PDB file of N, CA and C in Angstrom:
ATOM      1  N   MET A   1     181.093 186.091  54.273  1.00  0.00           N
ATOM      2  CA  MET A   1     179.692 186.457  55.736  1.00  0.00           C
ATOM      3  C   MET A   1     180.344 186.560  56.555  1.00  0.00           C
ATOM      4  N   GLU A   2     179.846 187.255  57.903  1.00  0.00           N
ATOM      5  CA  GLU A   2     180.548 186.739  59.259  1.00  0.00           C
ATOM      6  C   GLU A   2     179.377 185.652  59.587  1.00  0.00           C
ATOM      7  N   ASN A   3     180.521 185.460  60.275  1.00  0.00           N
ATOM      8  CA  ASN A   3     180.146 183.752  61.385  1.00  0.00           C
ATOM      9  C   ASN A   3     179.896 184.153  62.532  1.00  0.00           C
ATOM     10  N   ASN A   4     179.917 185.060  63.164  1.00  0.00           N
ATOM     11  CA  ASN A   4     179.634 185.238  64.905  1.00  0.00           C
ATOM     12  C   ASN A   4     180.015 187.082  64.613  1.00  0.00           C
ATOM     13  N   ILE A   5     178.786 187.973  64.636  1.00  0.00           N
ATOM     14  CA  ILE A   5     178.036 188.809  64.582  1.00  0.00           C
ATOM     15  C   ILE A   5     177.150 189.563  65.951  1.00  0.00           C
ATOM     16  N   GLU A   6     178.576 189.669  67.436  1.00  0.00           N
ATOM     17  CA  GLU A   6     177.182 190.585  68.599  1.00  0.00           C
ATOM     18  C   GLU A   6     177.324 192.029  68.609  1.00  0.00           C
ATOM     19  N   LEU A   7     175.786 191.818  68.613  1.00  0.00           N
ATOM     20  CA  LEU A   7     175.289 193.197  68.871  1.00  0.00           C
ATOM     21  C   LEU A   7     174.645 192.986  69.968  1.00  0.00           C
ATOM     22  N   ILE A   8     174.266 194.395  70.855  1.00  0.00           N
ATOM     23  CA  ILE A   8     173.431 194.075  71.865  1.00  0.00           C
ATOM     24  C   ILE A   8     173.198 193.665  73.057  1.00  0.00           C
ATOM     25  N   GLU A   9     174.889 192.623  73.117  1.00  0.00           N
ATOM     26  CA  GLU A   9     174.583 191.294  73.959  1.00  0.00           C
ATOM     27  C   GLU A   9     174.245 190.516  73.769  1.00  0.00           C
ATOM     28  N   ASN A  10     174.555 189.894  72.164  1.00  0.00           N
ATOM     29  CA  ASN A  10     174.302 188.774  71.829  1.00  0.00           C
ATOM     30  C   ASN A  10     174.810 188.561  70.437  1.00  0.00           C
ATOM     31  N   HIS A  11     174.717 187.187  70.189  1.00  0.00           N
ATOM     32  CA  HIS A  11     174.853 186.831  69.192  1.00  0.00           C
ATOM     33  C   HIS A  11     174.394 186.652  67.505  1.00  0.00           C
ATOM     34  N   TYR A  12     174.609 186.751  66.911  1.00  0.00           N
ATOM     35  CA  TYR A  12     173.710 186.743  65.453  1.00  0.00           C
ATOM     36  C   TYR A  12     174.963 186.267  64.458  1.00  0.00           C
ATOM     37  N   LYS A  13     174.178 185.684  63.209  1.00  0.00           N
ATOM     38  CA  LYS A  13     174.763 185.213  62.172  1.00  0.00           C
ATOM     39  C   LYS A  13     173.511 185.831  61.525  1.00  0.00           C
ATOM     40  N   LEU A  14     174.451 186.044  59.815  1.00  0.00           N
ATOM     41  CA  LEU A  14     174.051 186.285  59.155  1.00  0.00           C
ATOM     42  C   LEU A  14     172.914 185.324  57.932  1.00  0.00           C
ATOM     43  N   LEU A  15     172.031 185.000  58.051  1.00  0.00           N
ATOM     44  CA  LEU A  15     171.023 184.181  57.245  1.00  0.00           C
ATOM     45  C   LEU A  15     171.397 185.170  55.128  1.00  0.00           C
ATOM     46  N   GLU A  16     170.619 186.141  55.565  1.00  0.00           N
ATOM     47  CA  GLU A  16     170.513 186.950  54.196  1.00  0.00           C
ATOM     48  C   GLU A  16     171.261 187.951  53.880  1.00  0.00           C
ATOM     49  N   ASN A  17     171.758 188.070  52.771  1.00  0.00           N
ATOM     50  CA  ASN A  17     173.108 189.560  52.967  1.00  0.00           C
ATOM     51  C   ASN A  17     172.129 190.066  51.567  1.00  0.00           C
ATOM     52  N   TYR A  18     171.013 190.359  51.107  1.00  0.00           N
ATOM     53  CA  TYR A  18     171.152 190.814  49.490  1.00  0.00           C
ATOM     54  C   TYR A  18     171.922 191.508  49.039  1.00  0.00           C
ATOM     55  N   LYS A  19     171.365 192.019  48.080  1.00  0.00           N
ATOM     56  CA  LYS A  19     172.946 193.300  46.916  1.00  0.00           C
ATOM     57  C   LYS A  19     174.066 193.615  48.318  1.00  0.00           C
ATOM     58  N   ASP A  20     174.176 192.356  49.059  1.00  0.00           N
ATOM     59  CA  ASP A  20     175.420 193.620  49.986  1.00  0.00           C
ATOM     60  C   ASP A  20     175.362 194.747  51.385  1.00  0.00           C
ATOM     61  N   ALA A  21     173.965 194.099  51.144  1.00  0.00           N
ATOM     62  CA  ALA A  21     173.377 194.989  52.527  1.00  0.00           C
ATOM     63  C   ALA A  21     174.145 195.118  53.572  1.00  0.00           C
ATOM     64  N   PHE A  22     174.890 193.902  54.149  1.00  0.00           N
ATOM     65  CA  PHE A  22     175.149 194.334  55.703  1.00  0.00           C
ATOM     66  C   PHE A  22     175.959 194.988  55.694  1.00  0.00           C
ATOM     67  N   GLN A  23     176.260 196.165  56.849  1.00  0.00           N
ATOM     68  CA  GLN A  23     177.650 197.443  56.873  1.00  0.00           C
ATOM     69  C   GLN A  23     177.459 197.253  58.752  1.00  0.00           C
ATOM     70  N   GLU A  24     178.237 196.636  58.546  1.00  0.00           N
ATOM     71  CA  GLU A  24     178.395 196.092  60.705  1.00  0.00           C
ATOM     72  C   GLU A  24     178.427 197.362  61.933  1.00  0.00           C
ATOM     73  N   GLU A  25     178.981 198.296  60.547  1.00  0.00           N
ATOM     74  CA  GLU A  25     179.454 199.746  61.402  1.00  0.00           C
ATOM     75  C   GLU A  25     178.732 200.565  61.426  1.00  0.00           C
ATOM     76  N   GLU A  26     177.760 200.214  59.881  1.00  0.00           N
ATOM     77  CA  GLU A  26     176.143 201.244  60.054  1.00  0.00           C
ATOM     78  C   GLU A  26     174.856 200.626  61.558  1.00  0.00           C
ATOM     79  N   ILE A  27     174.750 199.304  61.385  1.00  0.00           N
ATOM     80  CA  ILE A  27     173.912 198.937  62.632  1.00  0.00           C
ATOM     81  C   ILE A  27     174.647 199.014  63.343  1.00  0.00           C
ATOM     82  N   GLU A  28     175.614 199.176  64.031  1.00  0.00           N
ATOM     83  CA  GLU A  28     175.964 199.505  65.911  1.00  0.00           C
ATOM     84  C   GLU A  28     175.011 200.753  65.863  1.00  0.00           C
ATOM     85  N   LYS A  29     175.588 201.611  64.415  1.00  0.00           N
ATOM     86  CA  LYS A  29     175.254 202.808  65.020  1.00  0.00           C
ATOM     87  C   LYS A  29     173.529 203.382  65.346  1.00  0.00           C
ATOM     88  N   ILE A  30     173.491 202.801  64.814  1.00  0.00           N
ATOM     89  CA  ILE A  30     171.126 202.545  65.220  1.00  0.00           C
ATOM     90  C   ILE A  30     170.480 201.883  66.034  1.00  0.00           C
ATOM     91  N   ILE A  31     171.755 200.653  66.301  1.00  0.00           N
ATOM     92  CA  ILE A  31     171.171 199.820  67.284  1.00  0.00           C
ATOM     93  C   ILE A  31     170.252 199.919  68.563  1.00  0.00           C
ATOM     94  N   THR A  32     169.527 199.718  69.384  1.00  0.00           N
ATOM     95  CA  THR A  32     168.702 199.972  70.397  1.00  0.00           C
ATOM     96  C   THR A  32     168.935 198.364  71.546  1.00  0.00           C
ATOM     97  N   ASP A  33     169.231 198.557  72.612  1.00  0.00           N
ATOM     98  CA  ASP A  33     167.721 197.351  73.060  1.00  0.00           C
ATOM     99  C   ASP A  33     166.658 196.936  73.483  1.00  0.00           C
ATOM    100  N   TYR A  34     166.045 197.992  72.307  1.00  0.00           N
ATOM    101  CA  TYR A  34     164.742 197.363  71.684  1.00  0.00           C
ATOM    102  C   TYR A  34     164.611 196.094  71.244  1.00  0.00           C
ATOM    103  N   PHE A  35     165.869 195.836  69.883  1.00  0.00           N
ATOM    104  CA  PHE A  35     166.186 194.544  69.575  1.00  0.00           C
ATOM    105  C   PHE A  35     166.578 192.886  70.020  1.00  0.00           C
ATOM    106  N   LYS A  36     167.294 193.631  71.439  1.00  0.00           N
ATOM    107  CA  LYS A  36     167.284 192.474  71.991  1.00  0.00           C
ATOM    108  C   LYS A  36     166.419 190.707  72.135  1.00  0.00           C
ATOM    109  N   ASP A  37     165.921 191.240  72.216  1.00  0.00           N
ATOM    110  CA  ASP A  37     164.895 189.546  72.650  1.00  0.00           C
ATOM    111  C   ASP A  37     164.011 188.983  71.227  1.00  0.00           C
ATOM    112  N   TYR A  38     163.963 190.299  70.925  1.00  0.00           N
ATOM    113  CA  TYR A  38     163.448 189.552  69.008  1.00  0.00           C
ATOM    114  C   TYR A  38     164.845 188.549  68.659  1.00  0.00           C
ATOM    115  N   ASP A  39     164.413 187.615  67.825  1.00  0.00           N
ATOM    116  CA  ASP A  39     164.815 186.580  67.123  1.00  0.00           C
ATOM    117  C   ASP A  39     165.716 186.365  65.704  1.00  0.00           C
ATOM    118  N   TYR A  40     165.235 187.138  65.408  1.00  0.00           N
ATOM    119  CA  TYR A  40     165.432 187.907  63.756  1.00  0.00           C
ATOM    120  C   TYR A  40     165.647 189.445  64.262  1.00  0.00           C
ATOM    121  N   ILE A  41     166.715 190.154  62.928  1.00  0.00           N
ATOM    122  CA  ILE A  41     166.334 191.219  62.855  1.00  0.00           C
ATOM    123  C   ILE A  41     166.800 191.550  61.160  1.00  0.00           C
ATOM    124  N   LEU A  42     165.595 192.510  60.582  1.00  0.00           N
ATOM    125  CA  LEU A  42     166.073 192.842  59.170  1.00  0.00           C
ATOM    126  C   LEU A  42     166.021 194.299  59.296  1.00  0.00           C
ATOM    127  N   GLY A  43     167.022 193.913  58.313  1.00  0.00           N
ATOM    128  CA  GLY A  43     167.728 194.974  57.433  1.00  0.00           C
ATOM    129  C   GLY A  43     167.582 196.240  55.897  1.00  0.00           C
ATOM    130  N   ASP A  44     167.125 197.192  55.987  1.00  0.00           N
ATOM    131  CA  ASP A  44     166.414 197.607  54.651  1.00  0.00           C
ATOM    132  C   ASP A  44     167.620 198.358  54.222  1.00  0.00           C
ATOM    133  N   TRP A  45     167.548 198.896  52.915  1.00  0.00           N
ATOM    134  CA  TRP A  45     167.688 200.131  52.736  1.00  0.00           C
ATOM    135  C   TRP A  45     167.248 201.093  52.328  1.00  0.00           C
ATOM    136  N   SER A  46     166.997 202.386  52.641  1.00  0.00           N
ATOM    137  CA  SER A  46     165.998 202.782  51.461  1.00  0.00           C
ATOM    138  C   SER A  46     166.552 204.282  51.251  1.00  0.00           C
ATOM    139  N   TYR A  47     166.684 204.820  50.547  1.00  0.00           N
ATOM    140  CA  TYR A  47     167.059 206.184  50.487  1.00  0.00           C
ATOM    141  C   TYR A  47     168.127 206.040  51.029  1.00  0.00           C
ATOM    142  N   GLY A  48     168.992 205.554  50.644  1.00  0.00           N
ATOM    143  CA  GLY A  48     170.486 205.634  52.020  1.00  0.00           C
ATOM    144  C   GLY A  48     170.441 205.768  53.444  1.00  0.00           C
ATOM    145  N   LYS A  49     169.430 204.879  53.816  1.00  0.00           N
ATOM    146  CA  LYS A  49     169.014 205.356  55.258  1.00  0.00           C
ATOM    147  C   LYS A  49     168.945 203.733  56.062  1.00  0.00           C
ATOM    148  N   LEU A  50     169.241 203.378  56.608  1.00  0.00           N
ATOM    149  CA  LEU A  50     169.335 201.766  57.192  1.00  0.00           C
ATOM    150  C   LEU A  50     168.243 202.026  58.493  1.00  0.00           C
ATOM    151  N   ARG A  51     166.956 200.750  57.627  1.00  0.00           N
ATOM    152  CA  ARG A  51     166.305 200.733  58.935  1.00  0.00           C
ATOM    153  C   ARG A  51     166.194 199.210  58.966  1.00  0.00           C
ATOM    154  N   LEU A  52     165.627 199.223  60.203  1.00  0.00           N
ATOM    155  CA  LEU A  52     165.839 197.931  61.116  1.00  0.00           C
ATOM    156  C   LEU A  52     163.948 197.998  62.021  1.00  0.00           C
ATOM    157  N   LYS A  53     164.046 196.204  62.102  1.00  0.00           N
ATOM    158  CA  LYS A  53     162.951 195.282  62.117  1.00  0.00           C
ATOM    159  C   LYS A  53     162.712 194.372  62.749  1.00  0.00           C
ATOM    160  N   GLY A  54     161.959 194.081  63.627  1.00  0.00           N
ATOM    161  CA  GLY A  54     162.236 192.417  64.689  1.00  0.00           C
ATOM    162  C   GLY A  54     161.621 191.716  64.604  1.00  0.00           C
ATOM    163  N   PHE A  55     161.426 190.460  64.347  1.00  0.00           N
ATOM    164  CA  PHE A  55     161.132 189.086  63.907  1.00  0.00           C
ATOM    165  C   PHE A  55     161.272 188.123  64.769  1.00  0.00           C
ATOM    166  N   CYS A  56     160.410 187.472  65.138  1.00  0.00           N
ATOM    167  CA  CYS A  56     160.194 186.134  66.271  1.00  0.00           C
ATOM    168  C   CYS A  56     159.799 185.044  65.872  1.00  0.00           C
ATOM    169  N   LYS A  57     159.895 183.512  66.440  1.00  0.00           N
ATOM    170  CA  LYS A  57     159.322 182.676  66.602  1.00  0.00           C
ATOM    171  C   LYS A  57     158.605 182.888  67.112  1.00  0.00           C
ATOM    172  N   PRO A  58     157.778 181.459  66.900  1.00  0.00           N
ATOM    173  CA  PRO A  58     156.308 181.797  67.763  1.00  0.00           C
ATOM    174  C   PRO A  58     156.237 181.093  69.342  1.00  0.00           C
ATOM    175  N   LYS A  59     156.912 181.202  69.523  1.00  0.00           N
ATOM    176  CA  LYS A  59     157.633 180.897  70.845  1.00  0.00           C
ATOM    177  C   LYS A  59     158.173 182.102  72.610  1.00  0.00           C
ATOM    178  N   ASN A  60     158.705 183.018  71.299  1.00  0.00           N
ATOM    179  CA  ASN A  60     158.819 183.955  71.805  1.00  0.00           C
ATOM    180  C   ASN A  60     157.845 184.934  72.522  1.00  0.00           C
ATOM    181  N   TYR A  61     158.452 185.559  73.476  1.00  0.00           N
ATOM    182  CA  TYR A  61     156.654 186.173  73.831  1.00  0.00           C
ATOM    183  C   TYR A  61     156.206 187.437  73.368  1.00  0.00           C
ATOM    184  N   LEU A  62     157.544 188.045  72.350  1.00  0.00           N
ATOM    185  CA  LEU A  62     157.004 189.130  71.417  1.00  0.00           C
ATOM    186  C   LEU A  62     155.971 189.138  70.393  1.00  0.00           C
ATOM    187  N   PHE A  63     155.932 187.280  70.010  1.00  0.00           N
ATOM    188  CA  PHE A  63     155.747 187.021  68.761  1.00  0.00           C
ATOM    189  C   PHE A  63     153.482 187.380  68.920  1.00  0.00           C
ATOM    190  N   ASN A  64     154.162 188.194  67.667  1.00  0.00           N
ATOM    191  CA  ASN A  64     152.874 188.006  67.462  1.00  0.00           C
ATOM    192  C   ASN A  64     152.416 188.077  65.480  1.00  0.00           C
ATOM    193  N   LYS A  65     151.249 188.512  65.000  1.00  0.00           N
ATOM    194  CA  LYS A  65     150.946 188.358  63.998  1.00  0.00           C
ATOM    195  C   LYS A  65     152.024 189.197  63.002  1.00  0.00           C
ATOM    196  N   ILE A  66     152.082 190.124  63.370  1.00  0.00           N
ATOM    197  CA  ILE A  66     153.072 191.248  62.381  1.00  0.00           C
ATOM    198  C   ILE A  66     154.396 190.940  62.676  1.00  0.00           C
ATOM    199  N   ASN A  67     154.998 189.904  63.182  1.00  0.00           N
ATOM    200  CA  ASN A  67     156.706 189.917  63.633  1.00  0.00           C
ATOM    201  C   ASN A  67     156.739 188.356  63.389  1.00  0.00           C
ATOM    202  N   ASP A  68     156.242 187.648  62.824  1.00  0.00           N
ATOM    203  CA  ASP A  68     155.782 186.054  62.626  1.00  0.00           C
ATOM    204  C   ASP A  68     157.089 186.194  61.603  1.00  0.00           C
ATOM    205  N   PHE A  69     158.362 185.751  62.123  1.00  0.00           N
ATOM    206  CA  PHE A  69     159.811 185.688  60.619  1.00  0.00           C
ATOM    207  C   PHE A  69     159.151 184.996  59.250  1.00  0.00           C
ATOM    208  N   LYS A  70     157.618 184.188  59.876  1.00  0.00           N
ATOM    209  CA  LYS A  70     157.488 183.144  57.994  1.00  0.00           C
ATOM    210  C   LYS A  70     156.870 184.143  57.070  1.00  0.00           C
ATOM    211  N   LYS A  71     156.749 185.394  58.110  1.00  0.00           N
ATOM    212  CA  LYS A  71     155.711 186.337  56.967  1.00  0.00           C
ATOM    213  C   LYS A  71     156.960 187.608  56.413  1.00  0.00           C
ATOM    214  N   VAL A  72     158.819 186.943  57.169  1.00  0.00           N
ATOM    215  CA  VAL A  72     159.759 188.705  56.772  1.00  0.00           C
ATOM    216  C   VAL A  72     160.077 188.311  55.778  1.00  0.00           C
ATOM    217  N   HIS A  73     159.418 187.817  54.587  1.00  0.00           N
ATOM    218  CA  HIS A  73     159.452 188.241  52.492  1.00  0.00           C
ATOM    219  C   HIS A  73     158.411 189.052  51.897  1.00  0.00           C
ATOM    220  N   THR A  74     157.228 188.156  52.774  1.00  0.00           N
ATOM    221  CA  THR A  74     156.570 189.268  52.456  1.00  0.00           C
ATOM    222  C   THR A  74     156.080 190.790  53.064  1.00  0.00           C
ATOM    223  N   TYR A  75     156.751 190.999  54.245  1.00  0.00           N
ATOM    224  CA  TYR A  75     157.084 192.416  55.437  1.00  0.00           C
ATOM    225  C   TYR A  75     158.289 193.214  53.667  1.00  0.00           C
ATOM    226  N   ILE A  76     159.060 191.954  53.416  1.00  0.00           N
ATOM    227  CA  ILE A  76     159.945 193.418  52.037  1.00  0.00           C
ATOM    228  C   ILE A  76     159.223 193.684  51.189  1.00  0.00           C
ATOM    229  N   LYS A  77     158.371 192.227  50.673  1.00  0.00           N
ATOM    230  CA  LYS A  77     158.231 192.785  49.472  1.00  0.00           C
ATOM    231  C   LYS A  77     156.989 193.929  49.138  1.00  0.00           C
ATOM    232  N   ASP A  78     155.898 194.029  50.807  1.00  0.00           N
ATOM    233  CA  ASP A  78     155.083 195.215  50.887  1.00  0.00           C
ATOM    234  C   ASP A  78     155.729 196.228  51.497  1.00  0.00           C
ATOM    235  N   SER A  79     156.734 196.577  52.355  1.00  0.00           N
ATOM    236  CA  SER A  79     156.653 197.261  53.322  1.00  0.00           C
ATOM    237  C   SER A  79     158.221 198.104  52.964  1.00  0.00           C
ATOM    238  N   CYS A  80     158.603 197.347  52.400  1.00  0.00           N
ATOM    239  CA  CYS A  80     160.556 197.937  51.859  1.00  0.00           C
ATOM    240  C   CYS A  80     160.358 198.347  50.240  1.00  0.00           C
ATOM    241  N   ALA A  81     161.078 199.454  49.829  1.00  0.00           N
ATOM    242  CA  ALA A  81     161.719 199.837  48.897  1.00  0.00           C
ATOM    243  C   ALA A  81     161.264 198.786  47.430  1.00  0.00           C
ATOM    244  N   TYR A  82     160.800 198.815  46.582  1.00  0.00           N
ATOM    245  CA  TYR A  82     161.179 197.241  45.835  1.00  0.00           C
ATOM    246  C   TYR A  82     162.950 197.494  44.848  1.00  0.00           C
ATOM    247  N   GLY A  83     163.202 196.370  45.122  1.00  0.00           N
ATOM    248  CA  GLY A  83     164.698 196.065  44.861  1.00  0.00           C
ATOM    249  C   GLY A  83     165.765 196.409  45.794  1.00  0.00           C
ATOM    250  N   CYS A  84     165.114 196.783  47.083  1.00  0.00           N
ATOM    251  CA  CYS A  84     166.210 196.888  48.000  1.00  0.00           C
ATOM    252  C   CYS A  84     166.872 196.204  48.694  1.00  0.00           C
ATOM    253  N   LYS A  85     167.785 196.845  48.945  1.00  0.00           N
ATOM    254  CA  LYS A  85     169.436 196.241  49.784  1.00  0.00           C
ATOM    255  C   LYS A  85     168.930 195.499  50.995  1.00  0.00           C
ATOM    256  N   TYR A  86     169.067 194.448  51.437  1.00  0.00           N
ATOM    257  CA  TYR A  86     168.039 194.416  53.258  1.00  0.00           C
ATOM    258  C   TYR A  86     169.305 193.055  53.141  1.00  0.00           C
ATOM    259  N   PHE A  87     169.252 192.921  54.373  1.00  0.00           N
ATOM    260  CA  PHE A  87     169.403 191.744  55.725  1.00  0.00           C
ATOM    261  C   PHE A  87     169.352 191.330  56.728  1.00  0.00           C
ATOM    262  N   ILE A  88     169.220 189.692  56.857  1.00  0.00           N
ATOM    263  CA  ILE A  88     167.860 189.244  57.893  1.00  0.00           C
ATOM    264  C   ILE A  88     169.157 188.493  58.639  1.00  0.00           C
ATOM    265  N   LEU A  89     169.472 188.899  59.848  1.00  0.00           N
ATOM    266  CA  LEU A  89     170.641 188.319  60.865  1.00  0.00           C
ATOM    267  C   LEU A  89     169.373 187.371  62.094  1.00  0.00           C
ATOM    268  N   GLU A  90     170.303 186.255  62.891  1.00  0.00           N
ATOM    269  CA  GLU A  90     168.969 185.269  63.442  1.00  0.00           C
ATOM    270  C   GLU A  90     170.471 185.559  64.546  1.00  0.00           C
ATOM    271  N   LYS A  91     168.938 185.488  65.506  1.00  0.00           N
ATOM    272  CA  LYS A  91     169.886 184.779  66.943  1.00  0.00           C
ATOM    273  C   LYS A  91     169.794 183.892  67.048  1.00  0.00           C
ATOM    274  N   VAL A  92     171.895 183.674  67.967  1.00  0.00           N
ATOM    275  CA  VAL A  92     171.728 182.202  68.079  1.00  0.00           C
ATOM    276  C   VAL A  92     172.871 182.208  69.086  1.00  0.00           C
ATOM    277  N   LYS A  93     172.852 181.240  69.998  1.00  0.00           N
ATOM    278  CA  LYS A  93     172.778 181.049  71.212  1.00  0.00           C
ATOM    279  C   LYS A  93     174.230 180.928  71.548  1.00  0.00           C
ATOM    280  N   LYS A  94     175.248 181.927  72.494  1.00  0.00           N
ATOM    281  CA  LYS A  94     176.632 181.115  72.436  1.00  0.00           C
ATOM    282  C   LYS A  94     177.091 180.663  72.212  1.00  0.00           C
TER     283      LYS A  94
END
């Protein structure tokens, strides 16, 4: 696993990589500044396409009940294709 991943001027560590979903080249193609302030980025693969969603810790100004990181696995279960490949990145301080 990658120890230090740099995307959109932030550094991340790979927390989960279910079914080897993490592909940095594919993330770089679709990620935008929109995700810059999120504490976590979930990437899931559905029908051969990568989807990204941001999640937060409670102290983040973007935090709300929809993007609460404590609910990330519920989101995967309810909103992602059954058994899909996914990964979770956590923003880390440099």
